[in-house]
Every structure is written in C-alpha cells, then in structure tokens.
N, C-alpha and C. Protein backbone atom coordinates (compact mmCIF):
# COMPACT_ATOMS: atom_id res chain seq x y z
N MET A 1 253.70 54.73 -129.22
CA MET A 1 253.10 55.69 -128.31
C MET A 1 253.77 57.05 -128.49
N ALA A 2 253.01 58.10 -128.27
CA ALA A 2 253.49 59.47 -128.37
C ALA A 2 253.58 60.06 -126.96
N HIS A 3 254.20 61.22 -126.85
CA HIS A 3 254.31 61.91 -125.56
C HIS A 3 253.75 63.31 -125.68
N VAL A 4 253.08 63.76 -124.62
CA VAL A 4 252.59 65.13 -124.54
C VAL A 4 253.02 65.72 -123.21
N ALA A 5 253.16 67.05 -123.21
CA ALA A 5 253.41 67.78 -121.97
C ALA A 5 252.09 68.44 -121.58
N VAL A 6 251.71 68.25 -120.32
CA VAL A 6 250.47 68.82 -119.80
C VAL A 6 250.83 69.78 -118.67
N THR A 7 250.31 70.99 -118.73
CA THR A 7 250.51 71.95 -117.65
C THR A 7 249.15 72.45 -117.18
N ALA A 8 249.06 72.73 -115.89
CA ALA A 8 247.84 73.30 -115.32
C ALA A 8 248.25 74.24 -114.20
N LEU A 9 247.51 75.33 -114.08
CA LEU A 9 247.79 76.33 -113.06
C LEU A 9 246.49 76.94 -112.58
N GLY A 10 246.38 77.11 -111.27
CA GLY A 10 245.19 77.74 -110.71
C GLY A 10 245.27 77.78 -109.20
N LEU A 11 244.26 78.39 -108.57
CA LEU A 11 244.24 78.44 -107.11
C LEU A 11 244.24 77.03 -106.53
N ASP A 12 245.01 76.83 -105.49
CA ASP A 12 245.13 75.52 -104.88
C ASP A 12 243.80 75.10 -104.25
N GLN A 13 243.48 73.82 -104.41
CA GLN A 13 242.28 73.23 -103.81
C GLN A 13 242.38 71.71 -103.90
N PRO A 14 241.72 71.00 -103.01
CA PRO A 14 241.76 69.55 -103.05
C PRO A 14 241.16 69.00 -104.34
N GLY A 15 241.71 67.92 -104.86
CA GLY A 15 241.13 67.20 -105.99
C GLY A 15 241.68 67.55 -107.36
N ILE A 16 242.61 68.49 -107.46
CA ILE A 16 243.12 68.88 -108.78
C ILE A 16 243.84 67.71 -109.45
N VAL A 17 244.74 67.07 -108.73
CA VAL A 17 245.52 65.98 -109.31
C VAL A 17 244.60 64.85 -109.76
N ALA A 18 243.61 64.52 -108.95
CA ALA A 18 242.67 63.46 -109.31
C ALA A 18 241.90 63.82 -110.57
N ALA A 19 241.48 65.08 -110.69
CA ALA A 19 240.71 65.50 -111.86
C ALA A 19 241.56 65.42 -113.13
N VAL A 20 242.79 65.93 -113.06
CA VAL A 20 243.66 65.92 -114.24
C VAL A 20 244.03 64.50 -114.63
N THR A 21 244.46 63.69 -113.68
CA THR A 21 244.90 62.34 -114.02
C THR A 21 243.73 61.45 -114.44
N GLY A 22 242.53 61.74 -113.96
CA GLY A 22 241.36 60.97 -114.40
C GLY A 22 241.12 61.13 -115.89
N VAL A 23 241.22 62.35 -116.39
CA VAL A 23 241.06 62.60 -117.82
C VAL A 23 242.17 61.90 -118.60
N LEU A 24 243.38 61.97 -118.10
CA LEU A 24 244.50 61.34 -118.79
C LEU A 24 244.30 59.83 -118.91
N VAL A 25 243.86 59.20 -117.83
CA VAL A 25 243.60 57.75 -117.86
C VAL A 25 242.49 57.43 -118.85
N ASP A 26 241.44 58.25 -118.85
CA ASP A 26 240.33 58.02 -119.78
C ASP A 26 240.78 58.11 -121.24
N HIS A 27 241.85 58.83 -121.51
CA HIS A 27 242.38 58.97 -122.86
C HIS A 27 243.55 58.04 -123.13
N GLY A 28 243.73 57.03 -122.28
CA GLY A 28 244.79 56.05 -122.48
C GLY A 28 246.17 56.54 -122.10
N GLY A 29 246.25 57.60 -121.32
CA GLY A 29 247.53 58.18 -120.95
C GLY A 29 248.20 57.46 -119.80
N ASN A 30 249.53 57.45 -119.84
CA ASN A 30 250.34 56.89 -118.78
C ASN A 30 251.30 57.98 -118.31
N LEU A 31 251.18 58.38 -117.06
CA LEU A 31 252.00 59.43 -116.49
C LEU A 31 253.43 58.94 -116.34
N GLU A 32 254.38 59.61 -117.02
CA GLU A 32 255.79 59.19 -116.97
C GLU A 32 256.64 60.06 -116.06
N ASP A 33 256.38 61.34 -116.04
CA ASP A 33 257.20 62.25 -115.25
C ASP A 33 256.32 63.41 -114.80
N SER A 34 256.59 63.94 -113.61
CA SER A 34 255.73 65.02 -113.12
C SER A 34 256.46 65.91 -112.14
N ALA A 35 255.99 67.14 -112.07
CA ALA A 35 256.40 68.09 -111.05
C ALA A 35 255.15 68.84 -110.64
N MET A 36 254.89 68.87 -109.35
CA MET A 36 253.71 69.54 -108.84
C MET A 36 254.10 70.32 -107.59
N THR A 37 253.58 71.53 -107.47
CA THR A 37 253.91 72.34 -106.31
C THR A 37 252.85 73.41 -106.09
N ILE A 38 252.93 74.05 -104.94
CA ILE A 38 252.07 75.19 -104.65
C ILE A 38 252.98 76.42 -104.58
N LEU A 39 252.67 77.40 -105.40
CA LEU A 39 253.46 78.63 -105.48
C LEU A 39 252.56 79.81 -105.18
N GLY A 40 252.80 80.47 -104.06
CA GLY A 40 251.99 81.64 -103.71
C GLY A 40 250.51 81.36 -103.67
N GLY A 41 250.11 80.20 -103.17
CA GLY A 41 248.70 79.84 -103.09
C GLY A 41 248.12 79.29 -104.37
N HIS A 42 248.92 79.20 -105.41
CA HIS A 42 248.49 78.64 -106.68
C HIS A 42 249.12 77.26 -106.88
N PHE A 43 248.34 76.35 -107.40
CA PHE A 43 248.81 75.01 -107.70
C PHE A 43 249.37 75.01 -109.12
N ALA A 44 250.55 74.46 -109.28
CA ALA A 44 251.17 74.35 -110.60
C ALA A 44 251.58 72.89 -110.81
N ILE A 45 251.27 72.38 -112.00
CA ILE A 45 251.59 71.00 -112.32
C ILE A 45 252.12 70.94 -113.74
N MET A 46 253.14 70.10 -113.94
CA MET A 46 253.65 69.84 -115.27
C MET A 46 253.87 68.33 -115.36
N LEU A 47 253.31 67.74 -116.39
CA LEU A 47 253.36 66.30 -116.56
C LEU A 47 253.88 65.94 -117.95
N VAL A 48 254.62 64.86 -118.04
CA VAL A 48 254.94 64.25 -119.33
C VAL A 48 254.16 62.94 -119.35
N VAL A 49 253.33 62.81 -120.38
CA VAL A 49 252.38 61.70 -120.44
C VAL A 49 252.55 60.95 -121.75
N GLU A 50 252.62 59.62 -121.64
CA GLU A 50 252.62 58.79 -122.84
C GLU A 50 251.17 58.56 -123.22
N VAL A 51 250.83 58.83 -124.49
CA VAL A 51 249.46 58.67 -124.98
C VAL A 51 249.49 57.82 -126.25
N PRO A 52 248.36 57.22 -126.62
CA PRO A 52 248.32 56.47 -127.88
C PRO A 52 248.67 57.37 -129.06
N ASP A 53 249.32 56.80 -130.07
CA ASP A 53 249.74 57.57 -131.25
C ASP A 53 248.60 58.33 -131.89
N ASP A 54 247.40 57.78 -131.84
CA ASP A 54 246.26 58.42 -132.52
C ASP A 54 245.53 59.43 -131.63
N GLU A 55 246.05 59.71 -130.43
CA GLU A 55 245.40 60.68 -129.54
C GLU A 55 245.54 62.08 -130.12
N ASP A 56 244.42 62.77 -130.24
CA ASP A 56 244.40 64.14 -130.75
C ASP A 56 244.73 65.10 -129.61
N VAL A 57 245.82 65.85 -129.76
CA VAL A 57 246.27 66.76 -128.70
C VAL A 57 245.20 67.80 -128.37
N ALA A 58 244.56 68.35 -129.39
CA ALA A 58 243.52 69.36 -129.17
C ALA A 58 242.33 68.77 -128.42
N ALA A 59 241.96 67.54 -128.75
CA ALA A 59 240.84 66.89 -128.07
C ALA A 59 241.19 66.60 -126.60
N LEU A 60 242.42 66.19 -126.36
CA LEU A 60 242.84 65.94 -124.98
C LEU A 60 242.84 67.24 -124.18
N GLU A 61 243.35 68.32 -124.77
CA GLU A 61 243.35 69.61 -124.08
C GLU A 61 241.91 70.07 -123.80
N ALA A 62 241.01 69.89 -124.75
CA ALA A 62 239.61 70.28 -124.56
C ALA A 62 238.96 69.47 -123.43
N ALA A 63 239.25 68.17 -123.38
CA ALA A 63 238.69 67.33 -122.32
C ALA A 63 239.22 67.76 -120.95
N LEU A 64 240.50 68.06 -120.88
CA LEU A 64 241.08 68.52 -119.62
C LEU A 64 240.49 69.87 -119.22
N ALA A 65 240.38 70.79 -120.17
CA ALA A 65 239.84 72.11 -119.89
C ALA A 65 238.41 72.00 -119.37
N CYS A 66 237.62 71.14 -119.97
CA CYS A 66 236.23 70.95 -119.54
C CYS A 66 236.18 70.44 -118.09
N GLU A 67 237.09 69.54 -117.76
CA GLU A 67 237.12 68.96 -116.41
C GLU A 67 237.58 69.97 -115.35
N VAL A 68 238.57 70.78 -115.68
CA VAL A 68 239.16 71.65 -114.66
C VAL A 68 238.64 73.09 -114.69
N ALA A 69 237.89 73.46 -115.72
CA ALA A 69 237.36 74.83 -115.81
C ALA A 69 236.54 75.22 -114.58
N PRO A 70 235.67 74.32 -114.06
CA PRO A 70 234.91 74.70 -112.87
C PRO A 70 235.81 74.99 -111.66
N ARG A 71 237.02 74.50 -111.68
CA ARG A 71 237.97 74.73 -110.59
C ARG A 71 238.80 76.00 -110.83
N GLY A 72 238.61 76.64 -111.98
CA GLY A 72 239.33 77.87 -112.29
C GLY A 72 240.76 77.65 -112.76
N LEU A 73 241.06 76.45 -113.24
CA LEU A 73 242.41 76.15 -113.69
C LEU A 73 242.58 76.46 -115.17
N THR A 74 243.79 76.83 -115.54
CA THR A 74 244.19 76.98 -116.93
C THR A 74 245.03 75.76 -117.27
N VAL A 75 244.75 75.15 -118.41
CA VAL A 75 245.46 73.93 -118.79
C VAL A 75 245.95 74.04 -120.22
N ALA A 76 247.08 73.40 -120.51
CA ALA A 76 247.62 73.36 -121.87
C ALA A 76 248.22 71.98 -122.11
N VAL A 77 248.09 71.51 -123.34
CA VAL A 77 248.68 70.23 -123.75
C VAL A 77 249.46 70.49 -125.01
N ARG A 78 250.71 70.04 -125.04
CA ARG A 78 251.57 70.21 -126.21
C ARG A 78 252.29 68.91 -126.51
N PRO A 79 252.46 68.59 -127.79
CA PRO A 79 253.22 67.38 -128.12
C PRO A 79 254.68 67.54 -127.73
N VAL A 80 255.30 66.45 -127.33
CA VAL A 80 256.73 66.43 -127.04
C VAL A 80 257.40 65.78 -128.24
N ALA A 81 258.31 66.49 -128.87
CA ALA A 81 258.89 66.07 -130.14
C ALA A 81 259.68 64.77 -130.06
N GLU A 82 260.44 64.57 -129.00
CA GLU A 82 261.28 63.38 -128.91
C GLU A 82 260.93 62.63 -127.63
N PRO A 83 261.20 61.34 -127.62
CA PRO A 83 260.95 60.58 -126.39
C PRO A 83 261.73 61.18 -125.23
N VAL A 84 261.13 61.13 -124.06
CA VAL A 84 261.75 61.67 -122.86
C VAL A 84 262.87 60.73 -122.43
N SER A 85 264.05 61.30 -122.21
CA SER A 85 265.15 60.49 -121.71
C SER A 85 265.98 61.33 -120.76
N GLN A 86 266.58 60.66 -119.79
CA GLN A 86 267.44 61.33 -118.83
C GLN A 86 268.87 61.25 -119.33
N PRO A 87 269.70 62.27 -119.04
CA PRO A 87 271.08 62.21 -119.46
C PRO A 87 271.78 61.02 -118.82
N ALA A 88 272.65 60.40 -119.59
CA ALA A 88 273.41 59.27 -119.05
C ALA A 88 274.30 59.76 -117.94
N GLU A 89 274.36 59.01 -116.86
CA GLU A 89 275.21 59.38 -115.75
C GLU A 89 276.38 58.43 -115.67
N ALA A 90 277.52 58.97 -115.30
CA ALA A 90 278.71 58.15 -115.16
C ALA A 90 278.53 57.21 -113.98
N ASP A 91 279.29 56.12 -113.98
CA ASP A 91 279.25 55.20 -112.86
C ASP A 91 279.68 55.91 -111.60
N ALA A 92 279.08 55.52 -110.47
CA ALA A 92 279.39 56.18 -109.20
C ALA A 92 280.85 55.99 -108.81
N GLY A 93 281.51 54.97 -109.33
CA GLY A 93 282.89 54.70 -108.95
C GLY A 93 283.91 55.53 -109.69
N GLU A 94 283.53 56.34 -110.66
CA GLU A 94 284.49 57.09 -111.45
C GLU A 94 285.09 58.24 -110.68
N ALA A 95 286.39 58.30 -110.60
CA ALA A 95 287.16 59.42 -110.11
C ALA A 95 286.73 59.94 -108.74
N GLY A 96 286.29 59.08 -107.87
CA GLY A 96 285.97 59.50 -106.52
C GLY A 96 284.80 60.46 -106.46
N ALA A 97 284.84 61.37 -105.49
CA ALA A 97 283.69 62.23 -105.24
C ALA A 97 283.86 63.62 -105.82
N GLY A 98 284.19 63.74 -107.08
CA GLY A 98 284.09 65.06 -107.63
C GLY A 98 285.24 65.55 -108.46
N GLY A 99 286.19 64.74 -108.79
CA GLY A 99 287.26 65.17 -109.67
C GLY A 99 286.75 65.35 -111.07
N ALA A 100 287.67 65.64 -111.98
CA ALA A 100 287.29 65.90 -113.36
C ALA A 100 286.64 64.69 -114.01
N GLY A 101 286.86 63.49 -113.47
CA GLY A 101 286.24 62.30 -114.04
C GLY A 101 284.80 62.11 -113.62
N ALA A 102 284.25 63.05 -112.85
CA ALA A 102 282.88 62.91 -112.34
C ALA A 102 281.86 63.46 -113.31
N GLU A 103 282.22 63.53 -114.60
CA GLU A 103 281.31 64.11 -115.59
C GLU A 103 280.00 63.33 -115.65
N GLY A 104 278.93 64.05 -115.82
CA GLY A 104 277.63 63.43 -115.90
C GLY A 104 277.07 63.05 -114.55
N ARG A 105 277.81 63.25 -113.49
CA ARG A 105 277.33 62.88 -112.17
C ARG A 105 276.39 63.92 -111.62
N SER A 106 275.52 63.48 -110.76
CA SER A 106 274.57 64.38 -110.11
C SER A 106 275.19 65.01 -108.87
N TRP A 107 274.90 66.29 -108.71
CA TRP A 107 275.37 67.04 -107.55
C TRP A 107 274.19 67.78 -106.95
N SER A 108 274.25 68.04 -105.65
CA SER A 108 273.24 68.83 -104.96
C SER A 108 273.87 70.12 -104.47
N VAL A 109 273.12 71.21 -104.61
CA VAL A 109 273.56 72.52 -104.15
C VAL A 109 272.44 73.05 -103.26
N SER A 110 272.79 73.49 -102.06
CA SER A 110 271.80 74.12 -101.19
C SER A 110 272.33 75.47 -100.73
N VAL A 111 271.44 76.44 -100.71
CA VAL A 111 271.78 77.81 -100.33
C VAL A 111 270.75 78.26 -99.31
N HIS A 112 271.21 78.88 -98.25
CA HIS A 112 270.26 79.48 -97.30
C HIS A 112 270.88 80.69 -96.64
N GLY A 113 270.03 81.65 -96.35
CA GLY A 113 270.48 82.88 -95.71
C GLY A 113 269.40 83.94 -95.81
N ALA A 114 269.78 85.17 -95.50
CA ALA A 114 268.83 86.27 -95.57
C ALA A 114 268.37 86.46 -97.01
N ASP A 115 267.08 86.74 -97.17
CA ASP A 115 266.54 86.95 -98.51
C ASP A 115 267.06 88.25 -99.09
N ARG A 116 267.41 88.19 -100.38
CA ARG A 116 267.82 89.38 -101.12
C ARG A 116 267.72 89.08 -102.60
N PRO A 117 267.50 90.09 -103.42
CA PRO A 117 267.41 89.87 -104.86
C PRO A 117 268.73 89.33 -105.43
N GLY A 118 268.62 88.43 -106.41
CA GLY A 118 269.80 87.98 -107.15
C GLY A 118 270.39 86.66 -106.73
N ILE A 119 269.90 86.04 -105.66
CA ILE A 119 270.49 84.78 -105.21
C ILE A 119 270.38 83.71 -106.29
N VAL A 120 269.18 83.48 -106.78
CA VAL A 120 268.99 82.43 -107.79
C VAL A 120 269.79 82.75 -109.05
N HIS A 121 269.74 84.00 -109.48
CA HIS A 121 270.46 84.37 -110.71
C HIS A 121 271.96 84.15 -110.58
N ARG A 122 272.56 84.61 -109.52
CA ARG A 122 274.01 84.49 -109.39
C ARG A 122 274.46 83.04 -109.35
N VAL A 123 273.75 82.21 -108.59
CA VAL A 123 274.13 80.79 -108.48
C VAL A 123 273.91 80.08 -109.81
N THR A 124 272.75 80.28 -110.42
CA THR A 124 272.46 79.57 -111.68
C THR A 124 273.30 80.09 -112.83
N ARG A 125 273.69 81.37 -112.81
CA ARG A 125 274.56 81.92 -113.87
C ARG A 125 275.92 81.23 -113.84
N LEU A 126 276.48 81.05 -112.63
CA LEU A 126 277.77 80.37 -112.52
C LEU A 126 277.66 78.91 -112.96
N LEU A 127 276.58 78.26 -112.58
CA LEU A 127 276.37 76.87 -113.01
C LEU A 127 276.27 76.80 -114.53
N ALA A 128 275.52 77.71 -115.13
CA ALA A 128 275.38 77.72 -116.60
C ALA A 128 276.72 77.99 -117.27
N ASP A 129 277.52 78.90 -116.70
CA ASP A 129 278.83 79.20 -117.27
C ASP A 129 279.74 77.98 -117.31
N HIS A 130 279.49 77.02 -116.42
CA HIS A 130 280.27 75.79 -116.36
C HIS A 130 279.57 74.63 -117.06
N GLY A 131 278.47 74.91 -117.75
CA GLY A 131 277.76 73.88 -118.51
C GLY A 131 276.98 72.90 -117.66
N ALA A 132 276.73 73.24 -116.39
CA ALA A 132 275.95 72.36 -115.53
C ALA A 132 274.48 72.43 -115.93
N ASN A 133 273.81 71.30 -115.95
CA ASN A 133 272.39 71.23 -116.28
C ASN A 133 271.58 71.13 -114.99
N ILE A 134 270.69 72.09 -114.76
CA ILE A 134 269.83 72.06 -113.58
C ILE A 134 268.66 71.13 -113.88
N VAL A 135 268.55 70.05 -113.10
CA VAL A 135 267.47 69.09 -113.33
C VAL A 135 266.33 69.24 -112.32
N ASP A 136 266.58 69.98 -111.25
CA ASP A 136 265.52 70.27 -110.28
C ASP A 136 265.92 71.51 -109.51
N LEU A 137 264.96 72.38 -109.25
CA LEU A 137 265.22 73.61 -108.52
C LEU A 137 263.99 73.94 -107.70
N SER A 138 264.18 74.27 -106.44
CA SER A 138 263.07 74.75 -105.63
C SER A 138 263.57 75.85 -104.72
N THR A 139 262.70 76.80 -104.45
CA THR A 139 263.02 77.90 -103.56
C THR A 139 261.90 78.08 -102.56
N ARG A 140 262.23 78.69 -101.44
CA ARG A 140 261.21 78.99 -100.44
C ARG A 140 261.66 80.21 -99.66
N ARG A 141 260.76 81.17 -99.53
CA ARG A 141 261.00 82.33 -98.69
C ARG A 141 260.31 82.08 -97.36
N LEU A 142 261.05 82.25 -96.28
CA LEU A 142 260.54 81.98 -94.95
C LEU A 142 260.51 83.28 -94.16
N GLY A 143 259.35 83.68 -93.69
CA GLY A 143 259.23 84.90 -92.90
C GLY A 143 258.94 86.10 -93.79
N GLU A 144 258.89 87.26 -93.16
CA GLU A 144 258.53 88.50 -93.85
C GLU A 144 259.51 89.60 -93.50
N GLY A 145 259.54 90.61 -94.34
CA GLY A 145 260.32 91.82 -94.08
C GLY A 145 261.80 91.58 -94.00
N SER A 146 262.46 92.36 -93.14
CA SER A 146 263.91 92.31 -93.04
C SER A 146 264.42 91.03 -92.39
N ARG A 147 263.56 90.27 -91.79
CA ARG A 147 263.97 89.01 -91.13
C ARG A 147 263.70 87.79 -92.01
N ALA A 148 263.29 88.00 -93.25
CA ALA A 148 262.97 86.89 -94.14
C ALA A 148 264.23 86.11 -94.51
N ALA A 149 264.09 84.81 -94.53
CA ALA A 149 265.18 83.92 -94.94
C ALA A 149 264.82 83.31 -96.29
N TYR A 150 265.82 82.82 -96.99
CA TYR A 150 265.62 82.27 -98.32
C TYR A 150 266.35 80.94 -98.41
N VAL A 151 265.70 79.96 -99.01
CA VAL A 151 266.31 78.65 -99.22
C VAL A 151 266.21 78.31 -100.70
N LEU A 152 267.32 77.89 -101.28
CA LEU A 152 267.40 77.46 -102.68
C LEU A 152 268.02 76.08 -102.70
N LEU A 153 267.33 75.13 -103.33
CA LEU A 153 267.82 73.77 -103.47
C LEU A 153 267.89 73.42 -104.94
N LEU A 154 269.03 72.89 -105.38
CA LEU A 154 269.22 72.53 -106.78
C LEU A 154 269.78 71.12 -106.89
N ALA A 155 269.35 70.40 -107.91
CA ALA A 155 269.99 69.16 -108.33
C ALA A 155 270.55 69.45 -109.72
N VAL A 156 271.83 69.20 -109.91
CA VAL A 156 272.48 69.51 -111.18
C VAL A 156 273.27 68.31 -111.69
N THR A 157 273.44 68.27 -112.99
CA THR A 157 274.32 67.30 -113.62
C THR A 157 275.47 68.09 -114.24
N LEU A 158 276.67 67.71 -113.89
CA LEU A 158 277.84 68.43 -114.39
C LEU A 158 278.13 68.09 -115.84
N ALA A 159 278.67 69.07 -116.54
CA ALA A 159 279.10 68.86 -117.92
C ALA A 159 280.36 68.00 -117.93
N PRO A 160 280.60 67.26 -119.02
CA PRO A 160 281.84 66.47 -119.10
C PRO A 160 283.07 67.35 -118.86
N GLY A 161 283.98 66.84 -118.05
CA GLY A 161 285.22 67.54 -117.77
C GLY A 161 285.14 68.54 -116.64
N THR A 162 283.97 68.75 -116.07
CA THR A 162 283.83 69.73 -114.98
C THR A 162 284.33 69.13 -113.68
N ASP A 163 285.17 69.86 -112.99
CA ASP A 163 285.66 69.47 -111.67
C ASP A 163 284.66 69.98 -110.64
N GLY A 164 283.91 69.10 -110.05
CA GLY A 164 282.86 69.47 -109.10
C GLY A 164 283.39 70.16 -107.87
N VAL A 165 284.55 69.74 -107.39
CA VAL A 165 285.11 70.37 -106.20
C VAL A 165 285.50 71.81 -106.49
N ALA A 166 286.14 72.04 -107.64
CA ALA A 166 286.52 73.41 -108.02
C ALA A 166 285.29 74.28 -108.24
N LEU A 167 284.25 73.72 -108.87
CA LEU A 167 283.01 74.46 -109.06
C LEU A 167 282.40 74.83 -107.71
N GLY A 168 282.45 73.89 -106.76
CA GLY A 168 281.95 74.19 -105.42
C GLY A 168 282.68 75.34 -104.77
N GLU A 169 283.99 75.41 -104.99
CA GLU A 169 284.77 76.51 -104.44
C GLU A 169 284.37 77.84 -105.08
N GLU A 170 284.14 77.86 -106.39
CA GLU A 170 283.68 79.08 -107.05
C GLU A 170 282.30 79.49 -106.54
N LEU A 171 281.43 78.51 -106.33
CA LEU A 171 280.11 78.82 -105.78
C LEU A 171 280.24 79.39 -104.38
N GLY A 172 281.21 78.91 -103.63
CA GLY A 172 281.46 79.43 -102.28
C GLY A 172 281.82 80.91 -102.29
N VAL A 173 282.58 81.32 -103.30
CA VAL A 173 282.94 82.74 -103.44
C VAL A 173 281.67 83.57 -103.68
N VAL A 174 280.81 83.08 -104.59
CA VAL A 174 279.55 83.77 -104.86
C VAL A 174 278.69 83.85 -103.60
N ALA A 175 278.64 82.76 -102.85
CA ALA A 175 277.86 82.74 -101.62
C ALA A 175 278.38 83.79 -100.64
N GLY A 176 279.70 83.91 -100.54
CA GLY A 176 280.29 84.91 -99.66
C GLY A 176 279.89 86.32 -100.07
N GLU A 177 279.88 86.58 -101.38
CA GLU A 177 279.49 87.90 -101.87
C GLU A 177 278.02 88.18 -101.58
N LEU A 178 277.19 87.12 -101.60
CA LEU A 178 275.76 87.29 -101.34
C LEU A 178 275.43 87.26 -99.85
N GLY A 179 276.37 86.83 -99.01
CA GLY A 179 276.12 86.74 -97.58
C GLY A 179 275.22 85.58 -97.20
N VAL A 180 275.32 84.46 -97.95
CA VAL A 180 274.51 83.27 -97.67
C VAL A 180 275.42 82.06 -97.47
N ASP A 181 274.86 81.04 -96.87
CA ASP A 181 275.57 79.77 -96.72
C ASP A 181 275.26 78.90 -97.92
N LEU A 182 276.26 78.19 -98.45
CA LEU A 182 276.08 77.35 -99.62
C LEU A 182 276.81 76.03 -99.38
N HIS A 183 276.15 74.94 -99.72
CA HIS A 183 276.75 73.61 -99.58
C HIS A 183 276.61 72.88 -100.91
N VAL A 184 277.67 72.21 -101.33
CA VAL A 184 277.69 71.43 -102.56
C VAL A 184 278.15 70.03 -102.22
N ARG A 185 277.47 69.03 -102.77
CA ARG A 185 277.92 67.66 -102.55
C ARG A 185 277.58 66.80 -103.76
N ALA A 186 278.44 65.84 -104.00
CA ALA A 186 278.18 64.86 -105.06
C ALA A 186 277.13 63.88 -104.55
N ASP A 187 276.17 63.56 -105.37
CA ASP A 187 275.18 62.55 -105.02
C ASP A 187 275.77 61.20 -105.38
N ASP A 188 276.03 60.38 -104.39
CA ASP A 188 276.68 59.10 -104.63
C ASP A 188 275.77 58.07 -105.25
N ALA A 189 274.48 58.25 -105.05
CA ALA A 189 273.52 57.29 -105.62
C ALA A 189 272.22 58.01 -105.88
N ASP A 190 271.55 57.62 -106.93
CA ASP A 190 270.23 58.16 -107.19
C ASP A 190 269.24 57.44 -106.31
N VAL A 191 268.52 58.20 -105.53
CA VAL A 191 267.52 57.61 -104.64
C VAL A 191 266.17 58.15 -105.06
N LEU A 192 265.22 57.26 -105.27
CA LEU A 192 263.88 57.70 -105.67
C LEU A 192 262.94 57.49 -104.54
C-alpha cells in the first residue's frame, strides 16, 4: 500500500468531511491520520491516507476536486515518500518527570494572555533552538481590540538530552517578557 497526503480548504459548511472521505473510500483509501479545523470561517483539513499501490494520484485528486468543487473547496493530493511513523518515545518511567533522561518524551505547553504579535514565534523559536519537535499546535484569539486574549497550545517531543524542566524555566523567561502566562508539563501517558 502507498500513502498520500490530502488537503482541502474552503468556506466552512456541513458535509465536507463526508464528501472527502466518501471519495477516499471509493478509491480504496484508509484514513490513517488527520487534522481538521475551522480557521477564520474556513474549513481546513489535512489527511494521510493509505491507498492501493496502483492508485493514480492525479486521478484521485481529480475525483476529489469533482466532488468538492460545488462546495467551493480547493483540494490537493500528493504522494508521501515514506511510510508514516511517529517518533519513538522513551518509557514513561525514565528519569522521572523531566530530567535529561526524558528524551523523546511528550510535553505540553500552554500560553495565555493578552494578544500581541510575536507570541507564537518567540515560543516556537526557543523550542526549535532546543531541538524540540512540535507535533501539534493550536491557537485561538478570544475577543476583539485591546481586550483580546490569546491562547496557544502545543504538544512537543523533546530532543535527546533535553532537560524539560530547564527548558520550561527558559520558556518562563520568554513568557515574562511577553507578559503572558505559560505552563509546561510532561505528559505521563499518551491518551487518545
């Protein structure tokens, strides 16, 4: 079996997921991984789909486009070069909750406070400088004008040798400079 990445974007409306997944099923596709959200009134979806080896990517994209065009969606299908795999995570029992032995462990970062430019960049830049891999990120602006609040939620996997507690302290300094509250915690178990 081969893998393809499917993306679709357009104005939000009921039935988009059903339309897209119906075409995928008709082409022998099996949905393996997905992210779907509404951003500024637009629906955005990204899927990793296992398809039969002989599935023509262009034909699949054309079938999807035909199905979703009346809904005003833009769709793209691209082959995924290697099988999808998640990074190996260390056992939950290694080195307690965040010492240097917590490499490969999942951590959660949450930020909230008054909205201002640069929050996402400053937090993610520090994470990147420490080799942390962001595996999920979501943001939400709440309210309007000078009273608007901002929420940033991240799931990250630490690079080998990274001390999660020390990284949390560095993130705390950045949060202080930005005037936001920031919380970091080790995820003790993966919950689906």
